[in-house]
Protein backbone atom coordinates (compact mmCIF):
# COMPACT_ATOMS: atom_id res chain seq x y z
CA MET A 1 102.32 93.79 59.61
CA ALA A 2 100.77 90.55 61.14
CA GLN A 3 98.97 92.80 63.38
CA TRP A 4 97.58 95.05 60.48
CA ALA A 5 96.38 91.71 58.64
CA ARG A 6 94.82 90.49 61.81
CA GLU A 7 92.70 94.08 62.37
CA ASN A 8 92.04 94.66 58.20
CA VAL A 9 91.65 92.00 56.44
CA PRO A 10 90.18 88.44 59.23
CA ASP A 11 88.66 86.90 56.70
CA LEU A 12 91.86 85.54 55.43
CA ILE A 13 93.16 85.26 58.16
CA GLN A 14 91.17 82.52 59.21
CA GLN A 15 90.56 81.34 56.60
CA GLY A 16 93.93 80.28 56.67
CA ARG A 17 95.13 82.40 53.48
CA GLY A 18 97.33 85.31 54.98
CA LYS A 19 100.89 83.29 54.65
CA ARG A 20 99.91 81.57 50.90
CA GLU A 21 99.01 85.63 50.15
CA THR A 22 102.37 87.20 51.46
CA GLN A 23 104.14 84.46 49.16
CA LYS A 24 102.09 85.14 46.30
CA PHE A 25 103.48 88.26 46.50
CA ILE A 26 106.63 87.90 47.27
CA ASN A 27 106.89 85.16 44.19
CA PHE A 28 105.57 88.20 42.30
CA TRP A 29 107.50 90.51 43.04
CA ARG A 30 111.32 89.21 43.16
CA GLY A 31 110.06 88.13 39.59
CA LYS A 32 108.93 91.41 38.87
CA ALA A 33 112.08 93.61 36.54
CA GLY A 34 111.83 97.01 35.59
CA LYS A 35 110.34 100.08 36.50
CA ASP A 36 107.23 98.68 37.58
CA ALA A 37 109.11 97.11 39.76
CA THR A 38 110.38 99.96 41.64
CA LYS A 39 108.62 100.65 44.61
CA ILE A 40 108.94 103.52 47.14
CA ASP A 41 106.83 102.01 50.18
CA TRP A 42 106.58 97.54 50.46
CA PRO A 43 104.88 97.73 53.31
CA ALA A 44 102.27 99.71 51.20
CA THR A 45 102.34 97.27 48.19
CA TRP A 46 101.39 93.94 50.67
CA ARG A 47 98.71 96.25 51.94
CA ASN A 48 96.96 96.74 48.96
CA TRP A 49 97.75 93.42 47.58
CA MET A 50 96.08 91.54 50.90
CA LEU A 51 93.71 94.21 50.71
CA ASN A 52 92.34 93.09 46.87
CA ALA A 53 93.25 88.90 47.82
CA ASP A 54 90.07 90.04 50.34
CA GLU A 55 88.10 91.31 48.04
CA GLY A 56 88.50 88.87 45.63
CA ARG A 57 89.76 90.82 43.30
CA PRO A 58 93.05 90.11 41.66
CA SER A 59 96.02 91.49 43.11
CA GLY A 60 97.63 94.58 42.06
CA ARG A 61 95.89 97.02 39.86
CA ALA A 62 92.47 96.64 40.75
CA PRO A 63 89.33 97.48 37.83
CA SER A 64 87.86 100.81 37.90
CA SER A 65 84.25 99.97 38.16
CA GLY A 66 82.55 98.85 35.50
CA GLN A 67 85.75 97.54 33.46
CA SER A 68 87.28 94.18 33.28
CA ALA A 69 91.30 93.36 34.14
CA PRO A 70 93.34 93.83 31.63
CA ALA A 71 93.94 90.60 29.90
CA ASP A 72 97.35 89.66 30.76
CA HIS A 73 96.69 90.36 34.29
CA ARG A 74 93.57 88.96 34.61
CA ARG A 75 96.23 85.35 33.16
CA GLU A 76 98.20 86.17 35.59
CA TRP A 77 95.86 86.20 38.76
CA GLU A 78 94.31 83.26 37.49
CA ARG A 79 97.35 81.29 37.20
CA ASN A 80 98.16 82.66 40.85
CA ARG A 81 94.92 82.17 42.22
CA SER A 82 94.88 78.45 43.16
């Protein structure tokens, strides 16, 4: 996973944010319950989280072009981004 991060999100890693984003990922999913927390491919979920963080988007679902993220998702992102 570390090799993937160095190759695919180098700016995030060079800024020293890789470990922090991984910890946010772990905390987020440990606190999530129910069907939304059921994943078939955890490494792919982590890769998407890291790609979103690298692009400056809230982790999780990316808003479609021209649309804002849902308000509850935006609040969650605001809490977790610092």
